[in-house]
């Protein structure tokens, strides 16, 4: 009997905590409404729009990799010039 009471007490505490969090967000109706609006917004995005977005992200990634490669090359060149000892002609 104590196990059942403990289980119900735990369940009640969890319910109260969730209810308090829902209340802080405007209540369960507000949360369900936000969920519905979010689903509608996500479903409004077509597969082709997502594919285009992924393609653009891939292009940006490639451009950044090219830029990084160029910067690495410049850094190596800078280090080579720093370490080179030029004879003094003065």
PDB file of N, CA and C in Angstrom:
ATOM      1  N   UNK A   1       0.826  -1.199   0.000  1.00  0.00           N
ATOM      2  CA  UNK A   1       0.000   0.000   0.000  1.00  0.00           C
ATOM      3  C   UNK A   1       0.869   1.261   0.000  1.00  0.00           C
ATOM      4  N   UNK A   2       1.984   1.205   0.746  1.00  0.00           N
ATOM      5  CA  UNK A   2       2.870   2.367   0.793  1.00  0.00           C
ATOM      6  C   UNK A   2       3.512   2.622  -0.576  1.00  0.00           C
ATOM      7  N   UNK A   3       3.793   1.539  -1.326  1.00  0.00           N
ATOM      8  CA  UNK A   3       4.367   1.697  -2.665  1.00  0.00           C
ATOM      9  C   UNK A   3       3.415   2.447  -3.577  1.00  0.00           C
ATOM     10  N   UNK A   4       2.146   2.091  -3.498  1.00  0.00           N
ATOM     11  CA  UNK A   4       1.138   2.743  -4.338  1.00  0.00           C
ATOM     12  C   UNK A   4       1.014   4.209  -3.945  1.00  0.00           C
ATOM     13  N   UNK A   5       0.987   4.480  -2.652  1.00  0.00           N
ATOM     14  CA  UNK A   5       0.874   5.870  -2.186  1.00  0.00           C
ATOM     15  C   UNK A   5       2.099   6.668  -2.620  1.00  0.00           C
ATOM     16  N   UNK A   6       3.285   6.093  -2.508  1.00  0.00           N
ATOM     17  CA  UNK A   6       4.509   6.771  -2.936  1.00  0.00           C
ATOM     18  C   UNK A   6       4.491   7.066  -4.424  1.00  0.00           C
ATOM     19  N   UNK A   7       4.015   6.106  -5.181  1.00  0.00           N
ATOM     20  CA  UNK A   7       3.925   6.292  -6.637  1.00  0.00           C
ATOM     21  C   UNK A   7       2.968   7.426  -6.975  1.00  0.00           C
ATOM     22  N   UNK A   8       1.803   7.451  -6.321  1.00  0.00           N
ATOM     23  CA  UNK A   8       0.840   8.522  -6.573  1.00  0.00           C
ATOM     24  C   UNK A   8       1.371   9.876  -6.106  1.00  0.00           C
ATOM     25  N   UNK A   9       2.088   9.887  -4.983  1.00  0.00           N
ATOM     26  CA  UNK A   9       2.679  11.150  -4.521  1.00  0.00           C
ATOM     27  C   UNK A   9       3.692  11.675  -5.534  1.00  0.00           C
ATOM     28  N   UNK A  10       4.532  10.796  -6.055  1.00  0.00           N
ATOM     29  CA  UNK A  10       5.520  11.185  -7.069  1.00  0.00           C
ATOM     30  C   UNK A  10       4.825  11.684  -8.318  1.00  0.00           C
ATOM     31  N   UNK A  11       3.811  10.953  -8.758  1.00  0.00           N
ATOM     32  CA  UNK A  11       3.049  11.347  -9.937  1.00  0.00           C
ATOM     33  C   UNK A  11       2.397  12.706  -9.728  1.00  0.00           C
ATOM     34  N   UNK A  12       1.865  12.947  -8.550  1.00  0.00           N
ATOM     35  CA  UNK A  12       1.228  14.224  -8.241  1.00  0.00           C
ATOM     36  C   UNK A  12       2.250  15.362  -8.267  1.00  0.00           C
ATOM     37  N   UNK A  13       3.448  15.144  -7.727  1.00  0.00           N
ATOM     38  CA  UNK A  13       4.488  16.180  -7.752  1.00  0.00           C
ATOM     39  C   UNK A  13       4.894  16.506  -9.191  1.00  0.00           C
ATOM     40  N   UNK A  14       5.052  15.483 -10.000  1.00  0.00           N
ATOM     41  CA  UNK A  14       5.408  15.702 -11.407  1.00  0.00           C
ATOM     42  C   UNK A  14       4.306  16.479 -12.109  1.00  0.00           C
ATOM     43  N   UNK A  15       3.064  16.078 -11.886  1.00  0.00           N
ATOM     44  CA  UNK A  15       1.925  16.772 -12.493  1.00  0.00           C
ATOM     45  C   UNK A  15       1.907  18.238 -12.064  1.00  0.00           C
ATOM     46  N   UNK A  16       2.111  18.505 -10.769  1.00  0.00           N
ATOM     47  CA  UNK A  16       2.091  19.879 -10.282  1.00  0.00           C
ATOM     48  C   UNK A  16       3.218  20.706 -10.898  1.00  0.00           C
ATOM     49  N   UNK A  17       4.387  20.108 -11.044  1.00  0.00           N
ATOM     50  CA  UNK A  17       5.519  20.814 -11.646  1.00  0.00           C
ATOM     51  C   UNK A  17       5.220  21.143 -13.119  1.00  0.00           C
ATOM     52  N   UNK A  18       4.670  20.173 -13.850  1.00  0.00           N
ATOM     53  CA  UNK A  18       4.306  20.417 -15.251  1.00  0.00           C
ATOM     54  C   UNK A  18       3.217  21.476 -15.359  1.00  0.00           C
ATOM     55  N   UNK A  19       2.235  21.390 -14.465  1.00  0.00           N
ATOM     56  CA  UNK A  19       1.153  22.359 -14.479  1.00  0.00           C
ATOM     57  C   UNK A  19       1.688  23.768 -14.213  1.00  0.00           C
ATOM     58  N   UNK A  20       2.628  23.884 -13.302  1.00  0.00           N
ATOM     59  CA  UNK A  20       3.234  25.188 -13.005  1.00  0.00           C
ATOM     60  C   UNK A  20       4.003  25.713 -14.222  1.00  0.00           C
ATOM     61  N   UNK A  21       4.756  24.833 -14.893  1.00  0.00           N
ATOM     62  CA  UNK A  21       5.494  25.249 -16.080  1.00  0.00           C
ATOM     63  C   UNK A  21       4.535  25.654 -17.200  1.00  0.00           C
ATOM     64  N   UNK A  22       3.469  24.908 -17.387  1.00  0.00           N
ATOM     65  CA  UNK A  22       2.476  25.263 -18.391  1.00  0.00           C
ATOM     66  C   UNK A  22       1.854  26.617 -18.064  1.00  0.00           C
ATOM     67  N   UNK A  23       1.552  26.838 -16.795  1.00  0.00           N
ATOM     68  CA  UNK A  23       0.939  28.104 -16.377  1.00  0.00           C
ATOM     69  C   UNK A  23       1.880  29.267 -16.659  1.00  0.00           C
ATOM     70  N   UNK A  24       3.177  29.074 -16.443  1.00  0.00           N
ATOM     71  CA  UNK A  24       4.154  30.127 -16.705  1.00  0.00           C
ATOM     72  C   UNK A  24       4.222  30.468 -18.190  1.00  0.00           C
ATOM     73  N   UNK A  25       3.872  29.518 -19.031  1.00  0.00           N
ATOM     74  CA  UNK A  25       3.900  29.726 -20.481  1.00  0.00           C
ATOM     75  C   UNK A  25       2.524  30.098 -21.037  1.00  0.00           C
ATOM     76  N   UNK A  26       1.599  30.413 -20.175  1.00  0.00           N
ATOM     77  CA  UNK A  26       0.284  30.848 -20.631  1.00  0.00           C
ATOM     78  C   UNK A  26      -0.762  29.759 -20.601  1.00  0.00           C
ATOM     79  N   UNK A  27      -0.454  28.643 -20.024  1.00  0.00           N
ATOM     80  CA  UNK A  27      -1.428  27.561 -19.900  1.00  0.00           C
ATOM     81  C   UNK A  27      -1.307  26.534 -21.014  1.00  0.00           C
ATOM     82  N   UNK A  28      -1.948  25.414 -20.794  1.00  0.00           N
ATOM     83  CA  UNK A  28      -1.893  24.297 -21.733  1.00  0.00           C
ATOM     84  C   UNK A  28      -2.466  24.683 -23.093  1.00  0.00           C
ATOM     85  N   UNK A  29      -3.541  25.449 -23.104  1.00  0.00           N
ATOM     86  CA  UNK A  29      -4.136  25.873 -24.379  1.00  0.00           C
ATOM     87  C   UNK A  29      -3.126  26.674 -25.209  1.00  0.00           C
ATOM     88  N   UNK A  30      -2.385  27.553 -24.550  1.00  0.00           N
ATOM     89  CA  UNK A  30      -1.389  28.360 -25.253  1.00  0.00           C
ATOM     90  C   UNK A  30      -0.279  27.470 -25.801  1.00  0.00           C
ATOM     91  N   UNK A  31       0.175  26.513 -25.030  1.00  0.00           N
ATOM     92  CA  UNK A  31       1.239  25.612 -25.479  1.00  0.00           C
ATOM     93  C   UNK A  31       0.768  24.779 -26.666  1.00  0.00           C
ATOM     94  N   UNK A  32      -0.450  24.262 -26.588  1.00  0.00           N
ATOM     95  CA  UNK A  32      -0.977  23.478 -27.704  1.00  0.00           C
ATOM     96  C   UNK A  32      -1.161  24.345 -28.946  1.00  0.00           C
ATOM     97  N   UNK A  33      -1.554  25.584 -28.759  1.00  0.00           N
ATOM     98  CA  UNK A  33      -1.705  26.512 -29.874  1.00  0.00           C
ATOM     99  C   UNK A  33      -0.346  26.799 -30.513  1.00  0.00           C
ATOM    100  N   UNK A  34       0.683  27.001 -29.694  1.00  0.00           N
ATOM    101  CA  UNK A  34       2.031  27.226 -30.227  1.00  0.00           C
ATOM    102  C   UNK A  34       2.502  26.002 -30.998  1.00  0.00           C
ATOM    103  N   UNK A  35       2.222  24.827 -30.463  1.00  0.00           N
ATOM    104  CA  UNK A  35       2.610  23.579 -31.130  1.00  0.00           C
ATOM    105  C   UNK A  35       1.930  23.488 -32.498  1.00  0.00           C
ATOM    106  N   UNK A  36       0.640  23.787 -32.551  1.00  0.00           N
ATOM    107  CA  UNK A  36      -0.102  23.745 -33.809  1.00  0.00           C
ATOM    108  C   UNK A  36       0.467  24.732 -34.821  1.00  0.00           C
ATOM    109  N   UNK A  37       0.762  25.965 -34.371  1.00  0.00           N
ATOM    110  CA  UNK A  37       1.306  26.979 -35.281  1.00  0.00           C
ATOM    111  C   UNK A  37       2.695  26.583 -35.774  1.00  0.00           C
ATOM    112  N   UNK A  38       3.489  26.005 -34.915  1.00  0.00           N
ATOM    113  CA  UNK A  38       4.822  25.555 -35.312  1.00  0.00           C
ATOM    114  C   UNK A  38       4.729  24.447 -36.351  1.00  0.00           C
ATOM    115  N   UNK A  39       3.835  23.491 -36.126  1.00  0.00           N
ATOM    116  CA  UNK A  39       3.646  22.408 -37.109  1.00  0.00           C
ATOM    117  C   UNK A  39       3.196  22.957 -38.450  1.00  0.00           C
ATOM    118  N   UNK A  40       2.263  23.895 -38.425  1.00  0.00           N
ATOM    119  CA  UNK A  40       1.784  24.490 -39.670  1.00  0.00           C
ATOM    120  C   UNK A  40       2.908  25.207 -40.403  1.00  0.00           C
ATOM    121  N   UNK A  41       3.729  25.925 -39.661  1.00  0.00           N
ATOM    122  CA  UNK A  41       4.845  26.649 -40.275  1.00  0.00           C
ATOM    123  C   UNK A  41       5.854  25.677 -40.881  1.00  0.00           C
ATOM    124  N   UNK A  42       6.135  24.603 -40.176  1.00  0.00           N
ATOM    125  CA  UNK A  42       7.102  23.631 -40.680  1.00  0.00           C
ATOM    126  C   UNK A  42       6.564  22.889 -41.892  1.00  0.00           C
ATOM    127  N   UNK A  43       5.300  22.547 -41.875  1.00  0.00           N
ATOM    128  CA  UNK A  43       4.700  21.845 -43.014  1.00  0.00           C
ATOM    129  C   UNK A  43       4.588  22.749 -44.234  1.00  0.00           C
ATOM    130  N   UNK A  44       4.606  24.064 -44.032  1.00  0.00           N
ATOM    131  CA  UNK A  44       4.517  24.992 -45.147  1.00  0.00           C
ATOM    132  C   UNK A  44       5.817  25.039 -45.957  1.00  0.00           C
ATOM    133  N   UNK A  45       6.912  24.548 -45.381  1.00  0.00           N
ATOM    134  CA  UNK A  45       8.198  24.534 -46.080  1.00  0.00           C
ATOM    135  C   UNK A  45       8.240  23.292 -46.963  1.00  0.00           C
ATOM    136  N   UNK A  46       8.462  23.516 -48.245  1.00  0.00           N
ATOM    137  CA  UNK A  46       8.452  22.385 -49.182  1.00  0.00           C
ATOM    138  C   UNK A  46       9.794  21.658 -49.189  1.00  0.00           C
ATOM    139  N   UNK A  47       9.755  20.461 -49.684  1.00  0.00           N
ATOM    140  CA  UNK A  47      10.976  19.672 -49.809  1.00  0.00           C
ATOM    141  C   UNK A  47      11.981  20.328 -50.736  1.00  0.00           C
ATOM    142  N   UNK A  48      11.494  20.958 -51.789  1.00  0.00           N
ATOM    143  CA  UNK A  48      12.410  21.625 -52.720  1.00  0.00           C
ATOM    144  C   UNK A  48      13.071  22.840 -52.069  1.00  0.00           C
ATOM    145  N   UNK A  49      12.329  23.540 -51.207  1.00  0.00           N
ATOM    146  CA  UNK A  49      12.929  24.664 -50.478  1.00  0.00           C
ATOM    147  C   UNK A  49      14.028  24.180 -49.547  1.00  0.00           C
ATOM    148  N   UNK A  50      13.793  23.064 -48.894  1.00  0.00           N
ATOM    149  CA  UNK A  50      14.821  22.498 -48.016  1.00  0.00           C
ATOM    150  C   UNK A  50      16.038  22.047 -48.817  1.00  0.00           C
ATOM    151  N   UNK A  51      15.797  21.445 -49.978  1.00  0.00           N
ATOM    152  CA  UNK A  51      16.902  21.002 -50.828  1.00  0.00           C
ATOM    153  C   UNK A  51      17.731  22.196 -51.293  1.00  0.00           C
ATOM    154  N   UNK A  52      17.055  23.281 -51.667  1.00  0.00           N
ATOM    155  CA  UNK A  52      17.764  24.495 -52.086  1.00  0.00           C
ATOM    156  C   UNK A  52      18.586  25.055 -50.943  1.00  0.00           C
ATOM    157  N   UNK A  53      18.009  25.081 -49.755  1.00  0.00           N
ATOM    158  CA  UNK A  53      18.718  25.571 -48.580  1.00  0.00           C
ATOM    159  C   UNK A  53      19.951  24.718 -48.294  1.00  0.00           C
ATOM    160  N   UNK A  54      19.806  23.407 -48.360  1.00  0.00           N
ATOM    161  CA  UNK A  54      20.950  22.527 -48.131  1.00  0.00           C
ATOM    162  C   UNK A  54      22.032  22.739 -49.183  1.00  0.00           C
ATOM    163  N   UNK A  55      21.624  22.973 -50.422  1.00  0.00           N
ATOM    164  CA  UNK A  55      22.578  23.242 -51.498  1.00  0.00           C
ATOM    165  C   UNK A  55      23.351  24.532 -51.225  1.00  0.00           C
ATOM    166  N   UNK A  56      22.640  25.565 -50.791  1.00  0.00           N
ATOM    167  CA  UNK A  56      23.289  26.839 -50.476  1.00  0.00           C
ATOM    168  C   UNK A  56      24.257  26.685 -49.293  1.00  0.00           C
ATOM    169  N   UNK A  57      23.871  25.906 -48.320  1.00  0.00           N
ATOM    170  CA  UNK A  57      24.746  25.662 -47.175  1.00  0.00           C
ATOM    171  C   UNK A  57      26.015  24.946 -47.632  1.00  0.00           C
ATOM    172  N   UNK A  58      25.873  23.984 -48.525  1.00  0.00           N
ATOM    173  CA  UNK A  58      27.029  23.257 -49.044  1.00  0.00           C
ATOM    174  C   UNK A  58      27.960  24.195 -49.814  1.00  0.00           C
ATOM    175  N   UNK A  59      27.387  25.088 -50.627  1.00  0.00           N
ATOM    176  CA  UNK A  59      28.205  26.066 -51.356  1.00  0.00           C
ATOM    177  C   UNK A  59      28.964  26.975 -50.382  1.00  0.00           C
ATOM    178  N   UNK A  60      28.286  27.430 -49.351  1.00  0.00           N
ATOM    179  CA  UNK A  60      28.927  28.287 -48.352  1.00  0.00           C
ATOM    180  C   UNK A  60      30.049  27.534 -47.640  1.00  0.00           C
ATOM    181  N   UNK A  61      29.815  26.276 -47.336  1.00  0.00           N
ATOM    182  CA  UNK A  61      30.836  25.451 -46.678  1.00  0.00           C
ATOM    183  C   UNK A  61      32.066  25.311 -47.571  1.00  0.00           C
ATOM    184  N   UNK A  62      31.847  25.057 -48.853  1.00  0.00           N
ATOM    185  CA  UNK A  62      32.966  24.932 -49.786  1.00  0.00           C
ATOM    186  C   UNK A  62      33.728  26.253 -49.910  1.00  0.00           C
ATOM    187  N   UNK A  63      33.007  27.366 -49.944  1.00  0.00           N
ATOM    188  CA  UNK A  63      33.665  28.671 -50.021  1.00  0.00           C
ATOM    189  C   UNK A  63      34.502  28.933 -48.781  1.00  0.00           C
ATOM    190  N   UNK A  64      33.986  28.560 -47.625  1.00  0.00           N
ATOM    191  CA  UNK A  64      34.745  28.741 -46.383  1.00  0.00           C
ATOM    192  C   UNK A  64      35.983  27.851 -46.348  1.00  0.00           C
ATOM    193  N   UNK A  65      35.863  26.627 -46.869  1.00  0.00           N
ATOM    194  CA  UNK A  65      37.017  25.734 -46.916  1.00  0.00           C
ATOM    195  C   UNK A  65      38.091  26.288 -47.850  1.00  0.00           C
ATOM    196  N   UNK A  66      37.668  26.867 -48.982  1.00  0.00           N
ATOM    197  CA  UNK A  66      38.610  27.483 -49.915  1.00  0.00           C
ATOM    198  C   UNK A  66      39.297  28.676 -49.255  1.00  0.00           C
ATOM    199  N   UNK A  67      38.523  29.492 -48.562  1.00  0.00           N
ATOM    200  CA  UNK A  67      39.071  30.640 -47.850  1.00  0.00           C
ATOM    201  C   UNK A  67      40.072  30.200 -46.792  1.00  0.00           C
ATOM    202  N   UNK A  68      39.733  29.165 -46.042  1.00  0.00           N
ATOM    203  CA  UNK A  68      40.634  28.650 -45.010  1.00  0.00           C
ATOM    204  C   UNK A  68      41.934  28.156 -45.629  1.00  0.00           C
ATOM    205  N   UNK A  69      41.838  27.476 -46.752  1.00  0.00           N
ATOM    206  CA  UNK A  69      43.020  26.987 -47.437  1.00  0.00           C
ATOM    207  C   UNK A  69      43.927  28.145 -47.855  1.00  0.00           C
ATOM    208  N   UNK A  70      43.317  29.203 -48.375  1.00  0.00           N
ATOM    209  CA  UNK A  70      44.093  30.385 -48.757  1.00  0.00           C
ATOM    210  C   UNK A  70      44.762  31.039 -47.567  1.00  0.00           C
ATOM    211  N   UNK A  71      44.052  31.143 -46.475  1.00  0.00           N
ATOM    212  CA  UNK A  71      44.614  31.741 -45.255  1.00  0.00           C
ATOM    213  C   UNK A  71      45.756  30.878 -44.729  1.00  0.00           C
ATOM    214  N   UNK A  72      45.581  29.567 -44.749  1.00  0.00           N
ATOM    215  CA  UNK A  72      46.655  28.669 -44.313  1.00  0.00           C
ATOM    216  C   UNK A  72      47.890  28.849 -45.183  1.00  0.00           C
ATOM    217  N   UNK A  73      47.679  29.000 -46.498  1.00  0.00           N
ATOM    218  CA  UNK A  73      48.803  29.226 -47.404  1.00  0.00           C
ATOM    219  C   UNK A  73      49.519  30.527 -47.103  1.00  0.00           C
ATOM    220  N   UNK A  74      48.761  31.596 -46.864  1.00  0.00           N
ATOM    221  CA  UNK A  74      49.362  32.885 -46.514  1.00  0.00           C
ATOM    222  C   UNK A  74      50.122  32.806 -45.190  1.00  0.00           C
ATOM    223  N   UNK A  75      49.560  32.086 -44.247  1.00  0.00           N
ATOM    224  CA  UNK A  75      50.220  31.918 -42.953  1.00  0.00           C
ATOM    225  C   UNK A  75      51.560  31.192 -43.130  1.00  0.00           C
ATOM    226  N   UNK A  76      51.571  30.160 -43.961  1.00  0.00           N
ATOM    227  CA  UNK A  76      52.809  29.424 -44.220  1.00  0.00           C
ATOM    228  C   UNK A  76      53.838  30.316 -44.906  1.00  0.00           C
ATOM    229  N   UNK A  77      53.395  31.113 -45.850  1.00  0.00           N
ATOM    230  CA  UNK A  77      54.279  32.029 -46.550  1.00  0.00           C
ATOM    231  C   UNK A  77      54.852  33.066 -45.583  1.00  0.00           C
ATOM    232  N   UNK A  78      54.020  33.589 -44.714  1.00  0.00           N
ATOM    233  CA  UNK A  78      54.463  34.560 -43.710  1.00  0.00           C
ATOM    234  C   UNK A  78      55.521  33.944 -42.808  1.00  0.00           C
ATOM    235  N   UNK A  79      55.276  32.709 -42.358  1.00  0.00           N
ATOM    236  CA  UNK A  79      56.240  32.020 -41.497  1.00  0.00           C
ATOM    237  C   UNK A  79      57.555  31.783 -42.233  1.00  0.00           C
ATOM    238  N   UNK A  80      57.473  31.459 -43.534  1.00  0.00           N
ATOM    239  CA  UNK A  80      58.689  31.230 -44.323  1.00  0.00           C
ATOM    240  C   UNK A  80      59.498  32.521 -44.435  1.00  0.00           C
ATOM    241  N   UNK A  81      58.806  33.643 -44.655  1.00  0.00           N
ATOM    242  CA  UNK A  81      59.524  34.922 -44.739  1.00  0.00           C
ATOM    243  C   UNK A  81      60.149  35.302 -43.396  1.00  0.00           C
ATOM    244  N   UNK A  82      59.453  35.010 -42.308  1.00  0.00           N
ATOM    245  CA  UNK A  82      59.968  35.320 -40.982  1.00  0.00           C
ATOM    246  C   UNK A  82      61.233  34.527 -40.691  1.00  0.00           C
ATOM    247  N   UNK A  83      61.242  33.260 -41.084  1.00  0.00           N
ATOM    248  CA  UNK A  83      62.372  32.398 -40.743  1.00  0.00           C
ATOM    249  C   UNK A  83      63.538  32.558 -41.699  1.00  0.00           C
ATOM    250  N   UNK A  84      63.320  33.158 -42.853  1.00  0.00           N
ATOM    251  CA  UNK A  84      64.392  33.333 -43.825  1.00  0.00           C
ATOM    252  C   UNK A  84      65.342  34.417 -43.315  1.00  0.00           C
ATOM    253  N   UNK A  85      66.617  34.143 -43.458  1.00  0.00           N
ATOM    254  CA  UNK A  85      67.608  35.152 -43.060  1.00  0.00           C
ATOM    255  C   UNK A  85      68.144  35.789 -44.304  1.00  0.00           C
ATOM    256  N   UNK A  86      67.894  37.059 -44.433  1.00  0.00           N
ATOM    257  CA  UNK A  86      68.362  37.804 -45.591  1.00  0.00           C
ATOM    258  C   UNK A  86      69.717  38.418 -45.262  1.00  0.00           C
ATOM    259  N   UNK A  87      70.665  38.330 -46.177  1.00  0.00           N
ATOM    260  CA  UNK A  87      71.985  38.940 -45.901  1.00  0.00           C
ATOM    261  C   UNK A  87      71.864  40.468 -45.831  1.00  0.00           C
ATOM    262  N   UNK A  88      72.606  41.047 -44.959  1.00  0.00           N
ATOM    263  CA  UNK A  88      72.599  42.496 -44.779  1.00  0.00           C
ATOM    264  C   UNK A  88      73.522  43.110 -45.829  1.00  0.00           C
ATOM    265  N   UNK A  89      72.987  44.037 -46.583  1.00  0.00           N
ATOM    266  CA  UNK A  89      73.821  44.672 -47.597  1.00  0.00           C
ATOM    267  C   UNK A  89      73.907  46.172 -47.287  1.00  0.00           C
ATOM    268  N   UNK A  90      74.664  46.513 -46.327  1.00  0.00           N
ATOM    269  CA  UNK A  90      74.698  47.893 -45.972  1.00  0.00           C
ATOM    270  C   UNK A  90      75.984  48.395 -45.665  1.00  0.00           C
TER     271      UNK A  90
END
